[in-house]
């Protein structure tokens, strides 16, 4: 049976936890590198999911929703 993917919010919380661990500066180098790699993977997943959500919102609104970077 395939493992269910964690929700967006769960993955975001996991990423935030990794960042806090790395900012603490107490991780050994190999653990810090592993945390960094995991964080980069999570960041990529989250960015892709946000882009897909934005695209879907554009489709549903007929292009009336402004992209986040253009918002005031």
Protein backbone atom coordinates (compact mmCIF):
# COMPACT_ATOMS: atom_id res chain seq x y z
CA UNK A 1 0.00 0.00 0.00
CA UNK A 2 1.36 3.42 -0.99
CA UNK A 3 2.11 5.94 1.74
CA UNK A 4 -0.27 8.91 1.70
CA UNK A 5 1.50 12.20 1.01
CA UNK A 6 1.43 14.67 3.88
CA UNK A 7 -0.75 17.74 3.50
CA UNK A 8 0.66 21.05 2.35
CA UNK A 9 0.38 22.40 5.88
CA UNK A 10 2.15 19.39 7.39
CA UNK A 11 5.02 19.69 4.93
CA UNK A 12 5.28 23.43 5.60
CA UNK A 13 5.49 22.78 9.34
CA UNK A 14 8.16 20.15 8.69
CA UNK A 15 10.16 22.65 6.64
CA UNK A 16 9.84 25.28 9.38
CA UNK A 17 11.08 22.73 11.93
CA UNK A 18 14.11 21.91 9.78
CA UNK A 19 14.94 25.59 9.43
CA UNK A 20 14.77 26.09 13.21
CA UNK A 21 17.07 23.10 13.77
CA UNK A 22 19.60 24.42 11.27
CA UNK A 23 19.43 27.96 12.64
CA UNK A 24 20.16 26.56 16.09
CA UNK A 25 23.64 25.73 14.89
CA UNK A 26 23.96 22.59 17.02
CA UNK A 27 23.59 19.99 14.26
CA UNK A 28 26.70 18.07 13.21
CA UNK A 29 27.72 18.80 9.62
CA UNK A 30 26.35 15.57 8.15
CA UNK A 31 22.97 16.09 9.86
CA UNK A 32 22.89 19.74 8.77
CA UNK A 33 23.54 18.71 5.17
CA UNK A 34 20.81 16.05 5.34
CA UNK A 35 18.39 18.60 6.83
CA UNK A 36 19.31 21.11 4.12
CA UNK A 37 18.70 18.54 1.38
CA UNK A 38 15.36 17.53 2.88
CA UNK A 39 14.41 21.19 3.25
CA UNK A 40 15.24 21.92 -0.38
CA UNK A 41 13.09 18.98 -1.48
CA UNK A 42 10.19 20.16 0.68
CA UNK A 43 10.61 23.72 -0.60
CA UNK A 44 10.46 22.51 -4.20
CA UNK A 45 7.31 20.45 -3.52
CA UNK A 46 5.60 23.35 -1.76
CA UNK A 47 6.52 25.83 -4.49
CA UNK A 48 5.18 23.51 -7.18
CA UNK A 49 1.95 22.98 -5.25
CA UNK A 50 1.47 26.73 -4.78
CA UNK A 51 2.09 27.34 -8.50
CA UNK A 52 -0.50 24.68 -9.39
CA UNK A 53 -3.02 26.25 -6.99
CA UNK A 54 -2.41 29.70 -8.47
CA UNK A 55 -2.87 28.32 -11.99
CA UNK A 56 -6.12 26.65 -10.95
CA UNK A 57 -7.37 29.90 -9.38
CA UNK A 58 -6.56 31.73 -12.62
CA UNK A 59 -8.56 29.14 -14.58
CA UNK A 60 -11.52 29.33 -12.22
CA UNK A 61 -11.60 33.12 -12.15
CA UNK A 62 -11.13 33.61 -15.89
CA UNK A 63 -7.82 35.38 -15.28
CA UNK A 64 -9.26 37.86 -12.75
CA UNK A 65 -6.91 36.81 -9.92
CA UNK A 66 -3.63 38.71 -9.86
CA UNK A 67 -0.46 36.64 -9.34
CA UNK A 68 0.98 36.99 -5.82
CA UNK A 69 4.11 38.81 -6.99
CA UNK A 70 1.93 41.48 -8.62
CA UNK A 71 -0.25 42.04 -5.54
CA UNK A 72 0.23 45.33 -3.66
